[in-house]
Amino acid sequence: MKLTMARGELLESLSIAARGLSSRSTLPILSGILVEATEEGNVSFTSTDLEVSIRNISSALVEKAGAAVIPGRLMTDIIKSLPEAAVTMSIEGEIVSISCGNSSFTMKTLRADDFPKFPEVDPEQETVLKTEELTQTVSRVIRAVSKDETRPILTGVLLSLEGPVLRMVATDSYRLAVKETVSESDRTESIEVIVPGRALEEVVRLAASQKEVKLGVTENQIVFKIGETTFVTRRIEGTFPNYRQLIPKEFETKVSVAREDLVQAVKRVSLLAQHNTPLRLTVSSEDKTISLSATTQDVGDASEDLMAEVSGPDVEIAFNHSFLADGVGTVSGETATIEIVSPLKPGVLKAQEDEGLLYLLMPVRLS
């Protein structure tokens, strides 16, 4: 195989494929990128960790067609270090040679025949999502995705499409994030699928330069087509928790506060919420304030008062400071609202300007 590409285009293709490289696998082949060049001038770059598979197709001056598996991260680092010029890649036997200007490198390759086959997905359901709506929705729920692999269902995001309404839900059993985005498109499809959280994050990054993303679903796989890139991930099987029954139907106390003031106050007070110490919220309807405080034994304490609009009785409730910071950071707009039923029931964070967003937090029992 021998091909020549502009350094910028080659780096972009390698960087996209590198997102699918396995970092923990004991199989050396999974740390490589499969490069396949055709006589028509098409070059594909493929990677997989056996759960996610990514393929990017680019064009090049192909002198000799062929295929080989090259060390993914090392190759990407080499191309990144080169000047902006034409890069020639040639493979003879088990050696790949890279030359650009006065620079030249050689590396060992692996056999293309040993690389896992790229999943050819024939979607049963398909739709098109605008990148903006996808990005906006994912960014609001992704922090609530669980990292606990012993409960696979919670490591995913419930993605529901009902015509123009895109809804995503994520929970790690301590908090719950729900975001609905209404598209201006005339989409009519209905789809419900649990997508791995990590896969959604990668799709959003890959789609940054594109206007839309094509989503396809089969019985056990999900495919995203983003320009010249195809991203395939496994579908998480199982039943997502019935999140609707967790959301309180009514509340006793409602607090509205300037969002940016709340964000900064939570950051400051959290500095003294160490060793899993909760952050305490004290709401006073008479003073029209919400007080944030944290005390860590043998370290110190911190408190801050914020002016707020309060309706309902006084209440004191505590949350995990990290989860509260994530929730407040998720809320958009100028005003954040906190709805509280009681100190032992979940609190709900909302954005006053965004009716489609809800962030629910389990309270921490006050001693």
Protein backbone atom coordinates (compact mmCIF):
# COMPACT_ATOMS: atom_id res chain seq x y z
CA MET A 1 0.00 0.00 0.00
CA LYS A 2 1.18 3.51 -0.78
CA LEU A 3 -0.75 6.75 -0.44
CA THR A 4 -0.21 10.49 -0.06
CA MET A 5 -2.46 12.85 1.94
CA ALA A 6 -2.37 16.42 3.17
CA ARG A 7 -1.13 16.38 6.77
CA GLY A 8 -4.25 18.21 8.08
CA GLU A 9 -6.71 15.75 6.48
CA LEU A 10 -4.69 12.75 7.62
CA LEU A 11 -4.53 14.05 11.18
CA GLU A 12 -8.28 14.70 11.25
CA SER A 13 -9.07 11.15 10.07
CA LEU A 14 -6.66 9.59 12.55
CA SER A 15 -7.96 11.74 15.43
CA ILE A 16 -11.53 10.65 14.69
CA ALA A 17 -10.58 6.97 14.52
CA ALA A 18 -8.45 7.26 17.66
CA ARG A 19 -11.62 7.92 19.69
CA GLY A 20 -12.52 4.26 19.30
CA LEU A 21 -9.18 2.83 20.42
CA SER A 22 -9.16 0.48 23.37
CA SER A 23 -7.06 1.67 26.29
CA ARG A 24 -7.45 -1.37 28.56
CA SER A 25 -7.58 -4.33 26.23
CA THR A 26 -4.98 -7.09 26.37
CA LEU A 27 -5.46 -7.57 22.61
CA PRO A 28 -2.70 -5.58 20.80
CA ILE A 29 -4.79 -5.41 17.60
CA LEU A 30 -7.36 -3.19 19.40
CA SER A 31 -4.75 -0.49 20.01
CA GLY A 32 -4.32 -0.13 16.26
CA ILE A 33 -6.17 1.68 13.46
CA LEU A 34 -7.02 -0.31 10.35
CA VAL A 35 -6.04 1.71 7.27
CA GLU A 36 -7.54 0.51 3.97
CA ALA A 37 -6.78 2.23 0.66
CA THR A 38 -8.61 1.54 -2.61
CA GLU A 39 -7.57 2.19 -6.19
CA GLU A 40 -10.46 4.68 -6.47
CA GLY A 41 -8.63 7.00 -4.03
CA ASN A 42 -10.68 6.27 -0.91
CA VAL A 43 -8.95 5.61 2.40
CA SER A 44 -10.82 4.33 5.46
CA PHE A 45 -9.54 4.55 9.04
CA THR A 46 -11.23 2.10 11.43
CA SER A 47 -10.93 1.47 15.17
CA THR A 48 -12.83 -0.59 17.73
CA ASP A 49 -12.77 -1.62 21.39
CA LEU A 50 -15.39 -4.32 20.62
CA GLU A 51 -18.15 -2.12 22.10
CA VAL A 52 -17.70 0.98 19.95
CA SER A 53 -16.54 0.94 16.31
CA ILE A 54 -15.60 4.07 14.34
CA ARG A 55 -14.86 4.40 10.64
CA ASN A 56 -13.85 7.58 8.84
CA ILE A 57 -13.50 7.75 5.07
CA SER A 58 -11.26 10.27 3.36
CA SER A 59 -9.71 10.73 -0.07
CA ALA A 60 -6.02 10.47 -0.98
CA LEU A 61 -3.63 9.98 -3.86
CA VAL A 62 -3.40 6.18 -3.81
CA GLU A 63 -0.50 4.72 -5.77
CA LYS A 64 -0.99 1.19 -4.47
CA ALA A 65 -4.12 -0.22 -2.76
CA GLY A 66 -3.82 -2.29 0.38
CA ALA A 67 -4.58 -2.57 4.10
CA ALA A 68 -2.70 -2.77 7.41
CA VAL A 69 -3.19 -2.10 11.11
CA ILE A 70 -0.95 0.69 12.39
CA PRO A 71 -0.27 1.71 16.03
CA GLY A 72 -3.10 4.18 16.58
CA ARG A 73 -1.90 6.65 19.19
CA LEU A 74 1.74 6.63 18.09
CA MET A 75 0.76 7.27 14.47
CA THR A 76 -1.53 10.14 15.53
CA ASP A 77 1.25 11.70 17.64
CA ILE A 78 3.71 11.45 14.74
CA ILE A 79 1.35 13.16 12.25
CA LYS A 80 0.53 15.80 14.87
CA SER A 81 4.25 16.66 15.13
CA LEU A 82 4.77 17.12 11.38
CA PRO A 83 4.65 20.43 9.48
CA GLU A 84 1.70 21.24 7.22
CA ALA A 85 2.72 19.42 4.04
CA ALA A 86 2.04 16.26 2.06
CA VAL A 87 2.52 13.02 4.01
CA THR A 88 3.36 9.77 2.24
CA MET A 89 2.55 6.46 3.89
CA SER A 90 3.83 3.22 2.37
CA ILE A 91 3.62 -0.32 3.69
CA GLU A 92 5.97 -3.12 2.75
CA GLY A 93 5.50 -6.41 4.56
CA GLU A 94 5.11 -5.63 8.27
CA ILE A 95 6.67 -2.16 8.15
CA VAL A 96 4.92 1.17 7.56
CA SER A 97 7.08 4.10 6.42
CA ILE A 98 5.95 7.70 6.88
CA SER A 99 7.69 10.61 5.20
CA CYS A 100 6.99 14.33 5.19
CA GLY A 101 9.57 16.86 4.03
CA ASN A 102 12.87 15.89 5.67
CA SER A 103 11.22 13.72 8.33
CA SER A 104 10.82 9.96 8.08
CA PHE A 105 9.57 7.26 10.45
CA THR A 106 9.09 3.49 10.36
CA MET A 107 6.86 1.35 12.56
CA LYS A 108 5.75 -2.25 12.76
CA THR A 109 2.23 -3.06 11.61
CA LEU A 110 -0.24 -5.86 12.33
CA ARG A 111 -2.16 -8.00 9.86
CA ALA A 112 -5.40 -6.47 8.54
CA ASP A 113 -6.99 -9.95 8.47
CA ASP A 114 -6.75 -10.13 12.28
CA PHE A 115 -8.71 -6.92 12.80
CA PRO A 116 -12.35 -7.38 13.95
CA LYS A 117 -14.89 -6.92 11.16
CA PHE A 118 -16.64 -3.56 11.12
CA PRO A 119 -20.34 -4.11 11.98
CA GLU A 120 -22.49 -3.57 8.90
CA VAL A 121 -25.72 -2.23 10.36
CA ASP A 122 -29.02 -2.27 8.49
CA PRO A 123 -31.21 -0.01 10.67
CA GLU A 124 -34.80 -1.01 11.43
CA GLN A 125 -35.57 2.60 12.42
CA GLU A 126 -33.85 5.76 11.20
CA THR A 127 -34.13 9.48 11.80
CA VAL A 128 -32.12 12.70 11.49
CA LEU A 129 -31.20 14.86 14.47
CA LYS A 130 -29.93 18.41 14.27
CA THR A 131 -26.49 18.61 15.89
CA GLU A 132 -27.57 21.59 17.98
CA GLU A 133 -30.53 19.77 19.55
CA LEU A 134 -28.45 16.63 20.15
CA THR A 135 -25.61 18.58 21.78
CA GLN A 136 -27.94 20.68 23.90
CA THR A 137 -29.82 17.63 25.18
CA VAL A 138 -26.78 15.43 25.88
CA SER A 139 -24.96 18.21 27.77
CA ARG A 140 -27.87 18.57 30.20
CA VAL A 141 -28.08 14.90 31.24
CA ILE A 142 -24.62 13.37 30.78
CA ARG A 143 -23.35 14.22 34.28
CA ALA A 144 -26.04 12.01 35.85
CA VAL A 145 -24.88 8.87 33.98
CA SER A 146 -23.55 6.19 36.35
CA LYS A 147 -19.94 5.00 36.18
CA ASP A 148 -20.81 1.79 38.04
CA GLU A 149 -20.34 -1.07 35.56
CA THR A 150 -22.15 -3.50 37.88
CA ARG A 151 -25.42 -1.82 36.87
CA PRO A 152 -25.01 -1.51 33.08
CA ILE A 153 -28.48 -0.04 32.52
CA LEU A 154 -27.50 3.08 34.51
CA THR A 155 -24.35 3.64 32.43
CA GLY A 156 -26.67 4.51 29.54
CA VAL A 157 -28.96 7.35 28.57
CA LEU A 158 -32.60 6.69 27.72
CA LEU A 159 -33.11 8.38 24.35
CA SER A 160 -36.75 8.83 23.31
CA LEU A 161 -38.06 10.40 20.13
CA GLU A 162 -41.71 11.25 19.78
CA GLY A 163 -42.01 13.22 16.57
CA PRO A 164 -40.29 16.59 17.02
CA VAL A 165 -39.65 15.97 20.75
CA LEU A 166 -36.25 14.55 21.74
CA ARG A 167 -36.08 13.42 25.37
CA MET A 168 -33.05 12.10 27.23
CA VAL A 169 -32.98 10.69 30.76
CA ALA A 170 -30.00 9.65 32.89
CA THR A 171 -29.69 8.52 36.50
CA ASP A 172 -27.08 6.98 38.80
CA SER A 173 -29.75 6.31 41.48
CA TYR A 174 -28.59 9.35 43.53
CA ARG A 175 -29.73 11.93 40.98
CA LEU A 176 -31.84 12.08 37.87
CA ALA A 177 -31.58 14.40 34.86
CA VAL A 178 -34.33 14.82 32.28
CA LYS A 179 -34.13 17.09 29.25
CA GLU A 180 -36.70 17.58 26.48
CA THR A 181 -35.81 19.48 23.32
CA VAL A 182 -38.44 20.34 20.72
CA SER A 183 -37.11 20.42 17.17
CA GLU A 184 -38.39 22.72 14.45
CA SER A 185 -38.20 19.80 12.03
CA ASP A 186 -41.26 17.90 10.78
CA ARG A 187 -39.88 14.63 12.17
CA THR A 188 -42.57 11.99 12.81
CA GLU A 189 -40.60 8.90 13.94
CA SER A 190 -40.94 7.31 17.39
CA ILE A 191 -37.81 5.66 18.80
CA GLU A 192 -36.81 4.56 22.31
CA VAL A 193 -33.34 3.18 22.98
CA ILE A 194 -30.73 3.11 25.77
CA VAL A 195 -27.43 4.47 24.46
CA PRO A 196 -24.12 4.07 26.36
CA GLY A 197 -23.27 7.44 27.92
CA ARG A 198 -19.68 7.34 26.71
CA ALA A 199 -20.85 6.76 23.13
CA LEU A 200 -23.15 9.80 23.24
CA GLU A 201 -20.30 12.01 24.47
CA GLU A 202 -18.09 10.87 21.60
CA VAL A 203 -20.87 11.40 19.03
CA VAL A 204 -21.37 14.97 20.24
CA ARG A 205 -17.62 15.66 19.87
CA LEU A 206 -17.52 14.13 16.39
CA ALA A 207 -20.61 16.07 15.28
CA ALA A 208 -19.25 19.48 16.30
CA SER A 209 -18.43 20.46 12.70
CA GLN A 210 -21.60 18.96 11.16
CA LYS A 211 -25.15 20.31 11.00
CA GLU A 212 -26.93 17.00 11.49
CA VAL A 213 -26.51 13.43 12.66
CA LYS A 214 -28.29 10.40 11.21
CA LEU A 215 -29.43 7.93 13.88
CA GLY A 216 -30.20 4.29 13.08
CA VAL A 217 -31.37 1.56 15.47
CA THR A 218 -31.39 -2.24 15.21
CA GLU A 219 -32.27 -4.93 17.74
CA ASN A 220 -28.86 -4.77 19.44
CA GLN A 221 -26.90 -1.94 17.82
CA ILE A 222 -27.09 1.82 17.30
CA VAL A 223 -25.40 3.62 14.41
CA PHE A 224 -24.68 7.33 14.08
CA LYS A 225 -23.64 8.72 10.69
CA ILE A 226 -21.80 12.03 10.94
CA GLY A 227 -20.56 13.29 7.59
CA GLU A 228 -17.96 10.77 6.39
CA THR A 229 -17.80 9.08 9.80
CA THR A 230 -19.80 6.04 10.91
CA PHE A 231 -20.04 5.38 14.65
CA VAL A 232 -21.51 2.07 15.80
CA THR A 233 -22.17 1.15 19.44
CA ARG A 234 -23.95 -1.66 21.23
CA ARG A 235 -27.47 -1.03 22.45
CA ILE A 236 -27.87 -1.47 26.22
CA GLU A 237 -30.44 -4.18 26.84
CA GLY A 238 -32.90 -4.09 29.72
CA THR A 239 -35.60 -1.87 31.18
CA PHE A 240 -34.71 1.66 32.21
CA PRO A 241 -35.96 2.63 35.71
CA ASN A 242 -39.43 4.18 35.82
CA TYR A 243 -38.12 7.70 36.36
CA ARG A 244 -41.53 9.37 36.23
CA GLN A 245 -42.57 7.89 39.58
CA LEU A 246 -39.49 9.45 41.22
CA ILE A 247 -40.48 13.00 40.28
CA PRO A 248 -42.57 14.66 43.03
CA LYS A 249 -46.04 15.67 41.83
CA GLU A 250 -46.16 18.66 44.20
CA PHE A 251 -43.85 20.61 46.51
CA GLU A 252 -44.05 22.58 49.75
CA THR A 253 -41.31 25.18 49.25
CA LYS A 254 -40.09 26.82 46.07
CA VAL A 255 -36.94 28.94 45.86
CA SER A 256 -35.95 31.09 42.87
CA VAL A 257 -32.40 32.47 42.85
CA ALA A 258 -29.99 34.06 40.38
CA ARG A 259 -28.35 31.05 38.73
CA GLU A 260 -24.82 32.44 38.43
CA ASP A 261 -24.84 33.55 42.09
CA LEU A 262 -25.90 30.05 43.11
CA VAL A 263 -23.21 28.43 40.94
CA GLN A 264 -20.46 30.53 42.53
CA ALA A 265 -21.80 30.11 46.08
CA VAL A 266 -21.94 26.32 45.72
CA LYS A 267 -18.34 26.31 44.42
CA ARG A 268 -17.10 28.38 47.36
CA VAL A 269 -18.95 26.59 50.15
CA SER A 270 -18.06 23.18 48.65
CA LEU A 271 -14.40 23.89 49.42
CA LEU A 272 -15.21 23.12 53.06
CA ALA A 273 -17.46 20.14 52.26
CA GLN A 274 -14.67 17.56 52.42
CA HIS A 275 -14.71 13.79 53.06
CA ASN A 276 -18.28 13.44 51.71
CA THR A 277 -19.59 16.16 54.01
CA PRO A 278 -22.99 17.31 52.70
CA LEU A 279 -23.83 20.85 51.69
CA ARG A 280 -26.74 22.20 53.73
CA LEU A 281 -29.41 24.53 52.32
CA THR A 282 -31.48 26.58 54.77
CA VAL A 283 -34.44 28.42 53.26
CA SER A 284 -36.06 31.35 55.11
CA SER A 285 -39.33 32.72 53.72
CA GLU A 286 -39.30 35.65 56.16
CA ASP A 287 -35.77 36.81 55.26
CA LYS A 288 -36.19 35.84 51.58
CA THR A 289 -32.84 34.05 51.67
CA ILE A 290 -31.27 30.69 50.95
CA SER A 291 -28.22 29.93 53.09
CA LEU A 292 -25.57 27.45 51.99
CA SER A 293 -23.28 25.93 54.61
CA ALA A 294 -20.80 23.10 55.08
CA THR A 295 -18.80 21.92 58.10
CA THR A 296 -15.97 19.42 58.00
CA GLN A 297 -14.82 18.25 61.41
CA ASP A 298 -11.21 19.19 62.28
CA VAL A 299 -11.00 21.29 59.07
CA GLY A 300 -13.44 24.20 59.25
CA ASP A 301 -16.73 25.52 57.95
CA ALA A 302 -18.14 27.88 55.32
CA SER A 303 -21.47 29.61 54.75
CA GLU A 304 -23.01 32.03 52.29
CA ASP A 305 -26.41 33.74 52.10
CA LEU A 306 -28.19 34.53 48.84
CA MET A 307 -31.25 36.68 48.28
CA ALA A 308 -34.09 34.63 46.80
CA GLU A 309 -37.78 34.53 46.04
CA VAL A 310 -39.32 32.04 48.45
CA SER A 311 -42.81 30.61 48.51
CA GLY A 312 -43.84 28.10 51.16
CA PRO A 313 -42.56 27.23 54.65
CA ASP A 314 -38.97 27.40 55.90
CA VAL A 315 -37.00 24.24 55.27
CA GLU A 316 -33.54 22.77 55.78
CA ILE A 317 -32.21 20.11 53.43
CA ALA A 318 -28.77 18.73 52.55
CA PHE A 319 -27.28 17.33 49.34
CA ASN A 320 -24.03 15.79 48.16
CA HIS A 321 -22.04 18.92 47.29
CA SER A 322 -20.58 17.47 44.08
CA PHE A 323 -23.98 16.37 42.76
CA LEU A 324 -25.49 19.74 43.65
CA ALA A 325 -22.65 21.55 41.82
CA ASP A 326 -23.28 19.38 38.74
CA GLY A 327 -27.00 20.10 38.87
CA VAL A 328 -26.59 23.85 39.23
CA GLY A 329 -24.05 23.79 36.39
CA THR A 330 -26.56 21.95 34.21
CA VAL A 331 -29.28 24.58 34.61
CA SER A 332 -29.29 27.29 31.96
CA GLY A 333 -30.73 30.80 31.92
CA GLU A 334 -30.63 33.57 34.49
CA THR A 335 -32.80 32.05 37.22
CA ALA A 336 -32.66 28.64 38.87
CA THR A 337 -35.52 27.24 40.95
CA ILE A 338 -35.34 24.60 43.67
CA GLU A 339 -38.52 22.75 44.62
CA ILE A 340 -38.52 20.99 48.00
CA VAL A 341 -41.16 18.65 49.44
CA SER A 342 -39.39 17.83 52.75
CA PRO A 343 -35.84 17.26 54.07
CA LEU A 344 -36.20 13.52 53.38
CA LYS A 345 -37.70 13.72 49.89
CA PRO A 346 -35.81 14.49 46.63
CA GLY A 347 -35.24 18.12 45.72
CA VAL A 348 -35.83 19.26 42.15
CA LEU A 349 -33.70 21.81 40.30
CA LYS A 350 -35.19 23.56 37.27
CA ALA A 351 -34.35 26.43 34.96
CA GLN A 352 -37.07 29.07 35.01
CA GLU A 353 -36.50 29.73 31.29
CA ASP A 354 -36.33 26.05 30.25
CA GLU A 355 -39.45 24.00 30.97
CA GLY A 356 -37.91 20.91 29.37
CA LEU A 357 -35.15 20.53 31.99
CA LEU A 358 -35.35 18.81 35.36
CA TYR A 359 -32.56 17.70 37.72
CA LEU A 360 -33.61 15.66 40.75
CA LEU A 361 -31.33 15.11 43.76
CA MET A 362 -31.68 12.61 46.59
CA PRO A 363 -31.16 14.36 49.95
CA VAL A 364 -28.53 13.46 52.53
CA ARG A 365 -29.95 12.83 56.00
CA LEU A 366 -29.06 15.61 58.43
CA SER A 367 -27.51 14.45 61.70
